[in-house]
Protein backbone atom coordinates (compact mmCIF):
# COMPACT_ATOMS: atom_id res chain seq x y z
CA GLY A 1 0.00 0.00 0.00
CA VAL A 2 0.88 3.63 0.13
CA LEU A 3 2.28 3.52 3.65
CA SER A 4 4.71 0.71 2.88
CA VAL A 5 6.20 2.78 0.03
CA ALA A 6 6.20 5.94 2.15
CA SER A 7 8.01 4.22 5.01
CA HIS A 8 11.09 3.66 2.79
CA ILE A 9 11.46 7.36 1.99
CA THR A 10 14.37 8.82 3.93
CA LYS A 11 13.69 12.49 3.21
CA ILE A 12 10.38 14.05 4.32
CA ILE A 13 9.44 17.41 2.86
CA VAL A 14 7.58 19.50 5.41
CA LYS A 15 6.92 22.62 3.32
CA LEU A 16 7.23 22.73 -0.44
CA CYS A 17 8.57 25.90 -1.98
CA ALA A 18 5.88 26.29 -4.65
CA GLY A 19 7.59 27.01 -7.99
CA LYS A 20 11.24 26.79 -6.90
CA PRO A 21 13.27 24.35 -9.02
CA HIS A 22 14.34 22.15 -6.08
CA ALA A 23 10.68 21.78 -4.97
CA GLN A 24 9.58 20.91 -8.50
CA PHE A 25 12.31 18.25 -8.62
CA GLU A 26 11.22 16.78 -5.27
CA ARG A 27 7.57 16.63 -6.46
CA GLY A 28 8.66 14.76 -9.59
CA LEU A 29 7.99 17.50 -12.12
CA HIS A 30 11.37 17.03 -13.85
CA GLY A 31 10.77 13.50 -15.10
CA ASN A 32 12.15 11.79 -12.03
CA GLY A 33 8.68 10.56 -10.90
CA PRO A 34 6.82 11.36 -7.69
CA ALA A 35 8.20 10.36 -4.31
CA VAL A 36 5.13 8.20 -3.53
CA THR A 37 3.02 6.29 -6.06
CA LEU A 38 -0.69 6.20 -5.24
CA VAL A 39 -2.74 3.10 -5.99
CA PRO A 40 -6.20 3.78 -7.47
CA ARG A 41 -8.77 2.13 -5.18
CA HIS A 42 -12.06 2.96 -6.95
CA ASN A 43 -12.09 0.05 -9.39
CA LEU A 44 -10.98 -2.81 -7.17
CA PRO A 45 -13.39 -5.77 -6.90
CA MET A 46 -15.79 -5.70 -3.95
CA LYS A 47 -15.51 -8.46 -1.38
CA ARG A 48 -18.61 -10.60 -0.84
CA ARG A 49 -18.94 -9.34 2.74
CA ASP A 50 -18.84 -5.72 1.55
CA ALA A 51 -21.38 -6.44 -1.18
CA LEU A 52 -23.75 -7.92 1.41
CA ARG A 53 -23.34 -4.85 3.65
CA TRP A 54 -24.02 -2.59 0.67
CA MET A 55 -27.22 -4.48 -0.16
CA LEU A 56 -28.41 -4.29 3.47
CA ILE A 57 -28.03 -0.51 3.30
CA VAL A 58 -29.46 0.08 -0.19
CA ALA A 59 -32.37 -2.40 -0.18
CA PRO A 60 -34.34 -0.76 2.68
CA ALA A 61 -33.85 2.67 1.11
CA ALA A 62 -35.18 1.36 -2.21
CA VAL A 63 -38.23 -0.12 -0.48
CA ARG A 64 -38.92 3.20 1.30
CA ALA A 65 -38.59 5.12 -1.96
CA ALA A 66 -40.99 2.75 -3.71
CA SER A 67 -43.54 2.99 -0.88
CA THR A 68 -43.45 6.80 -0.77
CA ALA A 69 -43.77 7.00 -4.56
CA GLY A 70 -47.32 5.72 -4.21
CA ALA A 71 -48.15 8.16 -1.39
CA ALA A 72 -51.01 10.59 -1.80
CA LYS A 73 -50.28 13.71 -3.80
CA SER A 74 -50.12 16.93 -1.80
CA ILE A 75 -53.12 19.20 -1.77
CA SER A 76 -53.24 22.92 -1.17
CA VAL A 77 -54.94 24.88 1.59
CA ARG A 78 -55.13 28.68 1.41
CA GLY A 79 -56.29 31.42 3.74
CA ILE A 80 -55.13 34.14 6.10
CA LEU A 81 -52.29 32.98 8.37
CA THR A 82 -53.33 33.55 11.96
CA LYS A 83 -53.23 31.94 15.40
CA SER A 84 -55.89 29.68 16.89
CA PRO A 85 -57.42 30.57 20.28
CA ASP A 86 -54.79 28.35 21.92
CA GLY A 87 -51.93 30.18 20.14
CA LYS A 88 -51.11 27.56 17.48
CA PRO A 89 -50.63 28.47 13.80
CA ALA A 90 -53.78 28.24 11.73
CA LEU A 91 -55.39 29.43 8.50
CA MET A 92 -58.70 31.22 8.33
CA THR A 93 -60.14 30.04 5.01
CA THR A 94 -62.43 32.15 2.81
CA ASP A 95 -65.45 30.19 4.04
CA GLY A 96 -64.64 31.12 7.67
CA LYS A 97 -63.22 27.77 8.81
CA LEU A 98 -60.14 27.60 11.04
CA VAL A 99 -57.59 25.01 9.85
CA TYR A 100 -54.81 24.09 12.31
CA LEU A 101 -51.39 23.79 10.66
CA HIS A 102 -48.73 21.27 11.75
CA GLY A 103 -45.32 20.37 10.35
CA ASP A 104 -41.70 19.58 11.08
CA PRO A 105 -39.78 21.95 13.42
CA ASP A 106 -38.46 24.13 10.57
CA THR A 107 -41.94 24.40 9.04
CA MET A 108 -43.35 25.36 12.44
CA GLY A 109 -40.70 28.10 12.60
CA VAL A 110 -42.11 29.59 9.39
CA LEU A 111 -45.72 29.21 10.52
CA ASN A 112 -44.94 31.00 13.80
CA ASP A 113 -43.05 33.88 12.12
CA ALA A 114 -44.85 37.08 13.15
CA ARG A 115 -43.82 38.77 9.87
CA LEU A 116 -46.17 36.40 7.99
CA ALA A 117 -49.15 37.03 10.25
CA ASN A 118 -52.36 38.08 8.46
CA MET A 119 -50.92 37.37 5.01
CA ASP A 120 -52.69 35.43 2.25
CA PHE A 121 -50.88 32.11 2.86
CA GLU A 122 -50.88 28.80 1.00
CA ALA A 123 -49.51 25.49 2.26
CA LEU A 124 -49.11 22.15 0.49
CA GLY A 125 -49.63 18.89 2.36
CA HIS A 126 -52.55 16.74 3.52
CA TYR A 127 -55.32 16.68 6.08
CA THR A 128 -54.67 14.43 9.07
CA SER A 129 -58.20 14.91 10.40
CA GLU A 130 -61.05 17.39 10.05
CA GLY A 131 -59.60 20.88 10.57
CA HIS A 132 -55.98 19.67 10.96
CA PHE A 133 -53.52 20.03 8.07
CA GLU A 134 -49.98 18.57 7.97
CA VAL A 135 -47.68 20.79 5.85
CA ASP A 136 -45.14 18.95 3.69
CA PRO A 137 -41.55 18.91 5.04
CA ILE A 138 -39.49 22.09 4.71
CA HIS A 139 -37.21 20.61 2.01
CA GLU A 140 -40.22 20.30 -0.33
CA ARG A 141 -40.79 24.08 -0.22
CA ALA A 142 -44.50 23.84 0.44
CA MET A 143 -45.31 27.33 1.78
CA PHE A 144 -46.25 30.39 -0.24
CA VAL A 145 -47.61 33.89 0.18
CA HIS A 146 -49.96 35.44 -2.38
CA LYS A 147 -49.24 39.11 -2.90
CA ASP A 148 -50.08 41.48 -5.79
CA GLY A 149 -51.45 38.57 -7.83
CA LYS A 150 -48.23 36.56 -7.52
CA ARG A 151 -47.50 33.29 -5.72
CA LEU A 152 -44.31 33.92 -3.76
CA MET A 153 -42.12 31.32 -2.06
CA VAL A 154 -41.30 31.97 1.59
CA THR A 155 -37.52 32.29 2.02
CA TYR A 156 -35.19 34.07 4.42
CA TRP A 157 -32.05 35.99 3.45
CA CYS A 158 -28.91 37.17 5.19
CA ASN A 159 -27.73 40.31 3.39
CA VAL A 160 -24.37 40.18 5.19
CA CYS A 161 -23.32 36.64 4.16
CA TYR A 162 -25.61 36.24 1.11
CA ILE A 163 -27.05 33.02 2.50
CA ARG A 164 -30.63 31.92 1.76
CA THR A 165 -32.54 29.69 4.17
CA TYR A 166 -36.11 28.43 4.31
CA THR A 167 -36.80 28.91 8.00
CA PRO A 168 -36.41 32.04 10.14
CA GLY A 169 -33.64 32.46 12.67
CA PRO A 170 -30.07 33.66 12.99
CA CYS A 171 -27.73 33.26 10.03
CA TRP A 172 -25.53 30.23 10.67
CA CYS A 173 -22.50 32.29 9.62
CA CYS A 174 -22.75 35.78 11.15
CA GLN A 175 -25.68 35.21 13.56
CA LYS A 176 -27.65 38.19 12.18
CA TYR A 177 -31.39 37.45 12.22
CA THR A 178 -32.44 36.63 8.65
CA ASP A 179 -34.81 38.88 6.71
CA LEU A 180 -38.09 37.61 5.24
CA ASP A 181 -37.56 37.43 1.47
CA LEU A 182 -40.62 36.45 -0.59
CA ARG A 183 -39.47 35.18 -4.00
CA GLU A 184 -41.16 34.08 -7.21
CA SER A 185 -38.49 31.38 -7.46
CA VAL A 186 -35.18 30.59 -5.77
CA ASP A 187 -33.35 31.20 -9.06
CA GLU A 188 -34.02 34.97 -9.00
């Protein structure tokens, strides 16, 4: 292997001197070959034990993917984003019904964002029971605001680091609280 070849090298270079001729010679750029020869490992045959491990990892994932492919298609619910009497996020639909909204922790962060309160809000997901709607996970980008006749995606932006996120909170880089940034698409 690589270590057995490296252990026979008597001279160890700690810091190469970039373009200096002696450094180029030591790196093998003058036809003398590199000090250590690397063995490509990506095309070696897989051992039976490793193949079995690989199948035990991949097979369950394939089964999960196949089972979720047949899952019900998301539906849309739209209304004014508000709070229920018990303080939980909800939509007041045009027909006056209150629909409780639930989701993963990042989705709940968006639903509880005070800057979105009283906006014309749309969420994609499915009903879990009468009056209770489960919003699709945050990575599926299932929350929108309707404003000036446009359907805008809910995103958050740090104008210091130029980092876009999909849930409110401090920027993971500079810790500045992110700004609400409603976008027609993330490509803008």
